[in-house]
Amino acid sequence: SVDACVTINTQSNVLSGTGSFNLNSGATLVTSHSNGVDGVITFASAGNIFAAGSHYHFNGSIAQTTGSRMATTVGSLFINNPASVTLSKTGHTASNLYLMAGSFRCGINGNLNIANGGTINRSGGNQPNSADAGTINFLGTVAVSGYSNGTPQLYSVILNGNTDFNGSGNTFSASIWSRLGVGCRPRDLPVP
């Protein structure tokens, strides 16, 4: 069991056995395995737990997938691979997305949700200008920040709340390659 505030860095090593593996909320799994979580956690038990609020850091040097075992709701998702990282399943929700190196893809028709109050921070990575980048849905108020003008570069974004594309302090605004959608509920419309 990996407890909150503990980081386990598997690199590309496989953790296996007859028992089970628990990644608790607030714990971090770091992997460079090309198959992500599925490639490094291979315990035979059906009782493996990847808790909501756990963190995942992908730092390989060849293309990686996140793996289907990654929690559906994650605390922070770190993309730190100069090649690329692709979500294995669509519809994950992250509180924070850190684009550190390489390209991040949600897959064709795939999406990643950023939770209300969440952030996207870019220090080196982006989404590519291609359909396999998928869509990032902002589920409420989200802050986006980069370290140079026009970053991060995101392919398709749907806004469902207030968004600060200027970040804070000495950060810069984002660029959107393809589509910017604005979600709005009737109650949000001004009354004439």
Protein backbone atom coordinates (compact mmCIF):
# COMPACT_ATOMS: atom_id res chain seq x y z
CA SER A 1 0.00 0.00 0.00
CA VAL A 2 1.36 3.43 -0.98
CA ASP A 3 0.13 6.08 1.44
CA ALA A 4 -0.63 9.76 0.88
CA CYS A 5 2.44 11.99 0.39
CA VAL A 6 4.57 8.97 -0.64
CA THR A 7 6.05 8.67 -4.13
CA ILE A 8 6.92 5.32 -5.66
CA ASN A 9 9.18 5.55 -8.72
CA THR A 10 9.03 2.24 -10.57
CA GLN A 11 10.98 3.50 -13.60
CA SER A 12 10.20 0.67 -16.05
CA ASN A 13 10.43 -2.08 -13.42
CA VAL A 14 7.44 -4.37 -12.96
CA LEU A 15 5.78 -4.83 -9.57
CA SER A 16 4.03 -8.18 -9.45
CA GLY A 17 2.95 -10.95 -7.12
CA THR A 18 -0.04 -12.76 -5.74
CA GLY A 19 -1.12 -9.95 -3.40
CA SER A 20 -2.68 -6.63 -4.31
CA PHE A 21 -1.45 -3.10 -4.90
CA ASN A 22 -3.05 -0.01 -3.37
CA LEU A 23 -2.21 3.53 -4.50
CA ASN A 24 -4.05 5.69 -1.98
CA SER A 25 -5.35 9.22 -2.47
CA GLY A 26 -2.45 11.67 -2.32
CA ALA A 27 0.18 9.03 -3.23
CA THR A 28 2.20 9.34 -6.45
CA LEU A 29 3.18 6.66 -8.98
CA VAL A 30 6.08 7.57 -11.30
CA THR A 31 6.75 5.35 -14.31
CA SER A 32 8.76 5.35 -17.51
CA HIS A 33 7.22 2.08 -18.76
CA SER A 34 5.76 2.33 -22.28
CA ASN A 35 2.48 0.78 -21.05
CA GLY A 36 2.24 3.13 -18.07
CA VAL A 37 0.38 1.87 -15.00
CA ASP A 38 -0.61 -1.41 -16.71
CA GLY A 39 3.02 -2.15 -17.54
CA VAL A 40 4.42 -1.74 -14.02
CA ILE A 41 1.59 -2.92 -11.75
CA THR A 42 0.81 -6.54 -12.62
CA PHE A 43 -0.37 -8.04 -9.33
CA ALA A 44 -2.65 -11.03 -9.93
CA SER A 45 -5.29 -9.85 -7.46
CA ALA A 46 -8.48 -8.28 -8.73
CA GLY A 47 -8.34 -6.17 -5.55
CA ASN A 48 -5.80 -3.66 -6.84
CA ILE A 49 -6.84 -0.14 -5.85
CA PHE A 50 -5.96 3.07 -7.65
CA ALA A 51 -7.78 5.57 -5.47
CA ALA A 52 -9.38 8.81 -6.59
CA GLY A 53 -6.99 11.67 -5.86
CA SER A 54 -3.84 9.63 -6.52
CA HIS A 55 -1.14 11.26 -8.68
CA TYR A 56 0.57 9.90 -11.82
CA HIS A 57 3.88 11.01 -13.34
CA PHE A 58 4.86 9.70 -16.78
CA ASN A 59 8.55 10.31 -17.48
CA GLY A 60 9.66 7.82 -20.15
CA SER A 61 11.87 8.55 -23.13
CA ILE A 62 9.77 6.57 -25.64
CA ALA A 63 6.05 6.97 -26.33
CA GLN A 64 3.90 5.97 -23.35
CA THR A 65 0.26 5.20 -22.70
CA THR A 66 -1.19 5.90 -19.26
CA GLY A 67 -2.71 2.43 -18.88
CA SER A 68 -6.33 1.52 -18.25
CA ARG A 69 -5.74 0.98 -14.51
CA MET A 70 -5.04 4.65 -13.79
CA ALA A 71 -7.69 6.12 -11.48
CA THR A 72 -10.63 7.77 -13.24
CA THR A 73 -10.28 10.83 -10.99
CA VAL A 74 -6.66 11.80 -10.38
CA GLY A 75 -5.10 14.50 -8.26
CA SER A 76 -2.25 15.55 -10.53
CA LEU A 77 -1.21 14.23 -13.92
CA PHE A 78 2.43 14.94 -14.85
CA ILE A 79 3.43 14.64 -18.53
CA ASN A 80 7.24 14.63 -18.56
CA ASN A 81 8.16 12.54 -21.61
CA PRO A 82 10.00 14.16 -24.56
CA ALA A 83 8.31 11.65 -26.90
CA SER A 84 4.60 11.56 -25.98
CA VAL A 85 2.01 10.34 -23.48
CA THR A 86 -1.47 9.18 -24.58
CA LEU A 87 -4.47 8.50 -22.36
CA SER A 88 -5.49 4.85 -22.54
CA LYS A 89 -9.11 5.65 -21.65
CA THR A 90 -11.14 8.78 -22.24
CA GLY A 91 -13.04 10.71 -19.59
CA HIS A 92 -10.46 10.93 -16.81
CA THR A 93 -10.73 13.95 -14.51
CA ALA A 94 -7.61 15.64 -13.11
CA SER A 95 -7.31 18.45 -10.60
CA ASN A 96 -3.98 19.50 -12.08
CA LEU A 97 -2.27 18.84 -15.42
CA TYR A 98 1.46 19.53 -15.61
CA LEU A 99 2.82 19.68 -19.18
CA MET A 100 6.56 19.37 -18.51
CA ALA A 101 7.99 17.79 -21.70
CA GLY A 102 6.76 16.25 -24.94
CA SER A 103 3.25 15.99 -26.29
CA PHE A 104 0.10 14.95 -24.47
CA ARG A 105 -2.70 13.21 -26.35
CA CYS A 106 -6.22 12.31 -25.22
CA GLY A 107 -6.79 10.25 -28.39
CA ILE A 108 -9.11 10.84 -31.34
CA ASN A 109 -12.53 11.72 -29.87
CA GLY A 110 -10.94 11.36 -26.41
CA ASN A 111 -11.00 13.88 -23.60
CA LEU A 112 -9.49 14.83 -20.28
CA ASN A 113 -11.58 16.81 -17.80
CA ILE A 114 -9.95 19.43 -15.59
CA ALA A 115 -11.84 19.71 -12.29
CA ASN A 116 -13.40 22.93 -11.03
CA GLY A 117 -10.62 24.86 -9.27
CA GLY A 118 -7.98 22.94 -11.26
CA THR A 119 -4.92 24.11 -13.15
CA ILE A 120 -2.94 23.46 -16.29
CA ASN A 121 0.73 24.35 -15.86
CA ARG A 122 3.15 24.24 -18.76
CA SER A 123 6.92 24.23 -18.37
CA GLY A 124 7.83 22.38 -21.57
CA GLY A 125 5.06 20.15 -22.98
CA ASN A 126 2.07 20.81 -25.23
CA GLN A 127 -0.68 19.11 -27.15
CA PRO A 128 0.10 18.52 -30.84
CA ASN A 129 -1.85 20.18 -33.63
CA SER A 130 -3.59 16.92 -34.62
CA ALA A 131 -6.94 15.25 -34.01
CA ASP A 132 -5.39 12.60 -31.75
CA ALA A 133 -4.71 15.36 -29.23
CA GLY A 134 -8.41 15.14 -28.29
CA THR A 135 -10.25 17.65 -26.14
CA ILE A 136 -9.65 19.14 -22.72
CA ASN A 137 -12.88 20.00 -20.89
CA PHE A 138 -12.74 22.63 -18.16
CA LEU A 139 -15.44 21.63 -15.67
CA GLY A 140 -15.54 24.99 -13.91
CA THR A 141 -13.03 27.65 -12.93
CA VAL A 142 -9.59 26.64 -14.24
CA ALA A 143 -6.29 28.56 -14.33
CA VAL A 144 -3.93 27.98 -17.27
CA SER A 145 -0.32 29.14 -17.19
CA GLY A 146 2.80 28.74 -19.31
CA TYR A 147 6.34 30.04 -19.23
CA SER A 148 6.43 31.71 -22.64
CA ASN A 149 3.89 33.63 -24.71
CA GLY A 150 1.27 31.41 -26.35
CA THR A 151 1.85 28.41 -24.09
CA PRO A 152 0.61 25.91 -23.36
CA GLN A 153 -0.58 24.97 -26.82
CA LEU A 154 -3.83 23.03 -26.51
CA TYR A 155 -5.67 21.39 -29.40
CA SER A 156 -9.34 21.59 -28.45
CA VAL A 157 -10.81 23.17 -25.31
CA ILE A 158 -14.36 23.33 -23.98
CA LEU A 159 -14.99 25.92 -21.27
CA ASN A 160 -17.68 25.32 -18.65
CA GLY A 161 -16.85 28.12 -16.24
CA ASN A 162 -14.46 30.98 -15.63
CA THR A 163 -11.01 30.43 -17.09
CA ASP A 164 -7.88 32.47 -16.54
CA PHE A 165 -5.66 31.93 -19.57
CA ASN A 166 -3.11 34.40 -18.24
CA GLY A 167 -2.17 32.39 -15.18
CA SER A 168 -0.63 34.38 -12.39
CA GLY A 169 2.56 36.27 -11.74
CA ASN A 170 5.05 36.10 -14.61
CA THR A 171 3.20 33.49 -16.66
CA PHE A 172 1.82 33.78 -20.19
CA SER A 173 -1.38 32.99 -22.02
CA ALA A 174 -2.28 29.79 -23.90
CA SER A 175 -2.78 29.08 -27.61
CA ILE A 176 -5.56 26.85 -28.92
CA TRP A 177 -4.83 25.01 -32.17
CA SER A 178 -8.25 23.94 -33.35
CA ARG A 179 -11.43 24.56 -31.36
CA LEU A 180 -12.63 26.61 -28.44
CA GLY A 181 -16.10 25.68 -27.24
CA VAL A 182 -18.01 27.60 -24.62
CA GLY A 183 -20.48 25.57 -22.58
CA CYS A 184 -23.30 27.51 -21.00
CA ARG A 185 -26.39 26.57 -19.05
CA PRO A 186 -29.54 28.68 -19.55
CA ARG A 187 -29.38 29.94 -15.96
CA ASP A 188 -26.00 31.51 -16.74
CA LEU A 189 -27.42 33.72 -19.46
CA PRO A 190 -28.16 37.35 -18.50
CA VAL A 191 -31.82 38.25 -18.17
CA PRO A 192 -32.83 41.19 -20.45
